[in-house]
Amino acid sequence: MGPTVDGAIVCTPHSTHFAVGKELIREGRRRFREAKKMMGEEEKICYRPMNILMEKPMTTSVSQARKLHQLLLECRDDSESEDDSDGRWN
């Protein structure tokens, strides 16, 4: 996946949604960390993890959906210093 990709739409067989979603979340998190390293400590980090649009159903089980949600919360923790007033994490 190229460095200029801002988002992804997951329209794959339902059984693959968890694996694909997990990799996209991890890739967005990796990019966020790289951007954070390249910026100075005093600069506000405005880079957000990758946007993901996943068709229904999100996953094939509740436990998989909870795992994806937990990964997203961990990404949010990585960006705690950012202002979340725009509601992007909802």
N, C-alpha and C. Protein backbone atom coordinates (compact mmCIF):
# COMPACT_ATOMS: atom_id res chain seq x y z
N MET A 1 0.85 -1.17 0.00
CA MET A 1 0.00 0.00 0.00
C MET A 1 0.89 1.24 0.00
N GLY A 2 0.57 2.16 -0.88
CA GLY A 2 1.39 3.36 -1.01
C GLY A 2 1.24 4.32 0.16
N PRO A 3 2.24 5.17 0.37
CA PRO A 3 2.22 6.09 1.50
C PRO A 3 1.20 7.21 1.38
N THR A 4 0.63 7.40 0.19
CA THR A 4 -0.34 8.49 0.01
C THR A 4 -1.78 8.02 0.16
N VAL A 5 -2.00 6.75 0.48
CA VAL A 5 -3.35 6.24 0.66
C VAL A 5 -3.90 6.73 1.99
N ASP A 6 -5.04 7.40 1.96
CA ASP A 6 -5.65 7.95 3.18
C ASP A 6 -6.73 7.06 3.75
N GLY A 7 -7.24 6.14 2.96
CA GLY A 7 -8.32 5.30 3.44
C GLY A 7 -8.50 4.08 2.57
N ALA A 8 -9.35 3.19 3.05
CA ALA A 8 -9.61 1.95 2.33
C ALA A 8 -11.07 1.56 2.51
N ILE A 9 -11.63 0.94 1.49
CA ILE A 9 -12.98 0.40 1.55
C ILE A 9 -12.85 -1.12 1.48
N VAL A 10 -13.39 -1.79 2.48
CA VAL A 10 -13.29 -3.25 2.55
C VAL A 10 -14.59 -3.84 2.00
N CYS A 11 -14.49 -4.40 0.81
CA CYS A 11 -15.62 -5.05 0.13
C CYS A 11 -15.20 -6.45 -0.28
N THR A 12 -14.72 -7.19 0.66
CA THR A 12 -14.24 -8.55 0.43
C THR A 12 -15.24 -9.52 1.04
N PRO A 13 -15.06 -10.83 0.82
CA PRO A 13 -15.97 -11.77 1.48
C PRO A 13 -15.98 -11.54 3.00
N HIS A 14 -17.14 -11.70 3.61
CA HIS A 14 -17.31 -11.41 5.04
C HIS A 14 -16.29 -12.13 5.90
N SER A 15 -15.92 -13.34 5.52
CA SER A 15 -14.98 -14.11 6.33
C SER A 15 -13.59 -13.48 6.38
N THR A 16 -13.30 -12.54 5.49
CA THR A 16 -11.97 -11.91 5.47
C THR A 16 -11.95 -10.53 6.15
N HIS A 17 -13.11 -10.02 6.52
CA HIS A 17 -13.18 -8.66 7.08
C HIS A 17 -12.28 -8.47 8.30
N PHE A 18 -12.25 -9.42 9.20
CA PHE A 18 -11.43 -9.26 10.41
C PHE A 18 -9.96 -9.13 10.06
N ALA A 19 -9.45 -10.04 9.24
CA ALA A 19 -8.02 -10.03 8.90
C ALA A 19 -7.65 -8.76 8.12
N VAL A 20 -8.47 -8.40 7.16
CA VAL A 20 -8.19 -7.20 6.36
C VAL A 20 -8.27 -5.95 7.22
N GLY A 21 -9.32 -5.86 8.04
CA GLY A 21 -9.47 -4.71 8.92
C GLY A 21 -8.31 -4.57 9.90
N LYS A 22 -7.89 -5.67 10.46
CA LYS A 22 -6.78 -5.66 11.42
C LYS A 22 -5.50 -5.14 10.75
N GLU A 23 -5.22 -5.60 9.54
CA GLU A 23 -4.01 -5.15 8.84
C GLU A 23 -4.10 -3.67 8.47
N LEU A 24 -5.28 -3.21 8.09
CA LEU A 24 -5.43 -1.79 7.76
C LEU A 24 -5.25 -0.92 9.00
N ILE A 25 -5.78 -1.34 10.12
CA ILE A 25 -5.61 -0.59 11.37
C ILE A 25 -4.14 -0.54 11.75
N ARG A 26 -3.47 -1.66 11.65
CA ARG A 26 -2.03 -1.70 11.98
C ARG A 26 -1.21 -0.82 11.05
N GLU A 27 -1.56 -0.82 9.76
CA GLU A 27 -0.84 0.01 8.80
C GLU A 27 -1.05 1.49 9.12
N GLY A 28 -2.27 1.88 9.44
CA GLY A 28 -2.54 3.26 9.82
C GLY A 28 -1.78 3.66 11.07
N ARG A 29 -1.70 2.75 12.02
CA ARG A 29 -0.97 3.02 13.27
C ARG A 29 0.53 3.16 13.00
N ARG A 30 1.06 2.30 12.13
CA ARG A 30 2.48 2.38 11.77
C ARG A 30 2.78 3.72 11.12
N ARG A 31 1.92 4.16 10.22
CA ARG A 31 2.13 5.44 9.55
C ARG A 31 2.06 6.60 10.54
N PHE A 32 1.13 6.52 11.48
CA PHE A 32 1.02 7.57 12.50
C PHE A 32 2.32 7.67 13.29
N ARG A 33 2.85 6.53 13.71
CA ARG A 33 4.09 6.54 14.49
C ARG A 33 5.26 7.09 13.69
N GLU A 34 5.35 6.75 12.40
CA GLU A 34 6.40 7.29 11.54
C GLU A 34 6.28 8.80 11.43
N ALA A 35 5.05 9.28 11.23
CA ALA A 35 4.84 10.73 11.11
C ALA A 35 5.23 11.43 12.40
N LYS A 36 4.90 10.81 13.52
CA LYS A 36 5.21 11.38 14.83
C LYS A 36 6.72 11.50 15.04
N LYS A 37 7.47 10.50 14.59
CA LYS A 37 8.93 10.52 14.73
C LYS A 37 9.56 11.61 13.87
N MET A 38 8.97 11.86 12.69
CA MET A 38 9.55 12.82 11.77
C MET A 38 9.28 14.26 12.19
N MET A 39 8.26 14.49 12.99
CA MET A 39 7.92 15.84 13.43
C MET A 39 8.63 16.17 14.73
N GLY A 40 8.87 17.44 14.95
CA GLY A 40 9.47 17.87 16.19
C GLY A 40 8.51 17.68 17.36
N GLU A 41 9.06 17.55 18.54
CA GLU A 41 8.25 17.33 19.74
C GLU A 41 7.24 18.44 19.97
N GLU A 42 7.62 19.69 19.65
CA GLU A 42 6.72 20.81 19.93
C GLU A 42 5.65 20.99 18.85
N GLU A 43 5.79 20.31 17.71
CA GLU A 43 4.80 20.45 16.65
C GLU A 43 3.55 19.63 16.97
N LYS A 44 2.41 20.19 16.64
CA LYS A 44 1.16 19.45 16.81
C LYS A 44 1.06 18.41 15.70
N ILE A 45 0.77 17.20 16.09
CA ILE A 45 0.64 16.13 15.10
C ILE A 45 -0.79 16.13 14.59
N CYS A 46 -0.95 16.36 13.31
CA CYS A 46 -2.30 16.40 12.75
C CYS A 46 -2.57 15.19 11.87
N TYR A 47 -1.64 14.26 11.80
CA TYR A 47 -1.84 13.05 11.00
C TYR A 47 -2.73 12.09 11.77
N ARG A 48 -3.71 11.53 11.11
CA ARG A 48 -4.63 10.56 11.73
C ARG A 48 -4.41 9.19 11.11
N PRO A 49 -4.67 8.14 11.89
CA PRO A 49 -4.61 6.81 11.28
C PRO A 49 -5.58 6.71 10.10
N MET A 50 -5.33 5.75 9.25
CA MET A 50 -6.08 5.56 8.03
C MET A 50 -7.60 5.40 8.27
N ASN A 51 -8.39 6.00 7.40
CA ASN A 51 -9.84 5.83 7.45
C ASN A 51 -10.20 4.49 6.81
N ILE A 52 -11.10 3.77 7.46
CA ILE A 52 -11.52 2.46 6.94
C ILE A 52 -13.03 2.42 6.89
N LEU A 53 -13.56 2.10 5.71
CA LEU A 53 -14.99 1.90 5.54
C LEU A 53 -15.18 0.41 5.26
N MET A 54 -15.90 -0.26 6.14
CA MET A 54 -16.08 -1.70 6.00
C MET A 54 -17.55 -2.00 5.78
N GLU A 55 -17.84 -2.76 4.71
CA GLU A 55 -19.24 -3.11 4.46
C GLU A 55 -19.74 -4.05 5.54
N LYS A 56 -21.06 -4.15 5.67
CA LYS A 56 -21.67 -5.03 6.68
C LYS A 56 -21.57 -6.47 6.23
N PRO A 57 -21.43 -7.38 7.12
CA PRO A 57 -21.16 -7.22 8.54
C PRO A 57 -19.69 -6.87 8.76
N MET A 58 -19.43 -6.15 9.84
CA MET A 58 -18.07 -5.74 10.15
C MET A 58 -17.16 -6.96 10.29
N THR A 59 -17.63 -7.95 11.02
CA THR A 59 -16.92 -9.22 11.19
C THR A 59 -17.96 -10.33 11.27
N THR A 60 -17.49 -11.55 11.38
CA THR A 60 -18.43 -12.67 11.47
C THR A 60 -18.71 -13.09 12.90
N SER A 61 -18.10 -12.40 13.88
CA SER A 61 -18.38 -12.70 15.28
C SER A 61 -18.21 -11.45 16.13
N VAL A 62 -18.89 -11.45 17.25
CA VAL A 62 -18.79 -10.32 18.18
C VAL A 62 -17.38 -10.21 18.72
N SER A 63 -16.73 -11.32 19.01
CA SER A 63 -15.37 -11.27 19.57
C SER A 63 -14.39 -10.63 18.58
N GLN A 64 -14.55 -10.91 17.29
CA GLN A 64 -13.68 -10.28 16.29
C GLN A 64 -13.94 -8.77 16.23
N ALA A 65 -15.20 -8.39 16.29
CA ALA A 65 -15.54 -6.96 16.26
C ALA A 65 -14.95 -6.25 17.48
N ARG A 66 -15.01 -6.91 18.63
CA ARG A 66 -14.43 -6.31 19.84
C ARG A 66 -12.91 -6.17 19.71
N LYS A 67 -12.25 -7.14 19.09
CA LYS A 67 -10.80 -7.06 18.90
C LYS A 67 -10.45 -5.88 17.98
N LEU A 68 -11.21 -5.70 16.91
CA LEU A 68 -10.96 -4.55 16.03
C LEU A 68 -11.18 -3.24 16.77
N HIS A 69 -12.23 -3.20 17.56
CA HIS A 69 -12.51 -2.00 18.36
C HIS A 69 -11.36 -1.72 19.32
N GLN A 70 -10.84 -2.75 19.96
CA GLN A 70 -9.72 -2.58 20.89
C GLN A 70 -8.49 -2.03 20.16
N LEU A 71 -8.22 -2.53 18.96
CA LEU A 71 -7.09 -2.01 18.18
C LEU A 71 -7.29 -0.53 17.88
N LEU A 72 -8.51 -0.14 17.54
CA LEU A 72 -8.79 1.27 17.27
C LEU A 72 -8.60 2.12 18.51
N LEU A 73 -9.01 1.60 19.66
CA LEU A 73 -8.82 2.35 20.91
C LEU A 73 -7.33 2.52 21.21
N GLU A 74 -6.53 1.52 20.91
CA GLU A 74 -5.09 1.63 21.12
C GLU A 74 -4.50 2.70 20.21
N CYS A 75 -5.01 2.79 18.98
CA CYS A 75 -4.57 3.85 18.07
C CYS A 75 -4.94 5.21 18.64
N ARG A 76 -6.13 5.29 19.21
CA ARG A 76 -6.57 6.55 19.81
C ARG A 76 -5.64 6.94 20.95
N ASP A 77 -5.22 5.95 21.76
CA ASP A 77 -4.30 6.22 22.85
C ASP A 77 -2.97 6.75 22.33
N ASP A 78 -2.54 6.29 21.14
CA ASP A 78 -1.30 6.76 20.53
C ASP A 78 -1.39 8.24 20.20
N SER A 79 -2.59 8.72 19.93
CA SER A 79 -2.76 10.11 19.50
C SER A 79 -3.42 10.96 20.57
N GLU A 80 -3.25 10.59 21.83
CA GLU A 80 -3.89 11.30 22.94
C GLU A 80 -3.63 12.79 22.95
N SER A 81 -2.47 13.18 22.49
CA SER A 81 -2.12 14.59 22.54
C SER A 81 -2.92 15.44 21.56
N GLU A 82 -3.63 14.79 20.66
CA GLU A 82 -4.39 15.51 19.65
C GLU A 82 -5.74 15.95 20.17
N ASP A 83 -6.24 16.99 19.58
CA ASP A 83 -7.60 17.46 19.88
C ASP A 83 -8.59 16.57 19.15
N ASP A 84 -9.53 15.98 19.86
CA ASP A 84 -10.50 15.08 19.26
C ASP A 84 -11.86 15.74 19.12
N SER A 85 -11.89 17.05 19.08
CA SER A 85 -13.16 17.75 19.04
C SER A 85 -13.90 17.57 17.72
N ASP A 86 -13.20 17.09 16.69
CA ASP A 86 -13.88 16.92 15.41
C ASP A 86 -14.67 15.63 15.35
N GLY A 87 -14.56 14.77 16.36
CA GLY A 87 -15.39 13.57 16.45
C GLY A 87 -15.00 12.46 15.51
N ARG A 88 -13.79 12.47 14.99
CA ARG A 88 -13.38 11.45 14.03
C ARG A 88 -13.30 10.06 14.64
N TRP A 89 -13.23 9.98 15.93
CA TRP A 89 -13.08 8.67 16.58
C TRP A 89 -14.41 8.06 16.97
N ASN A 90 -15.50 8.63 16.53
CA ASN A 90 -16.82 8.12 16.89
C ASN A 90 -17.29 7.10 15.90
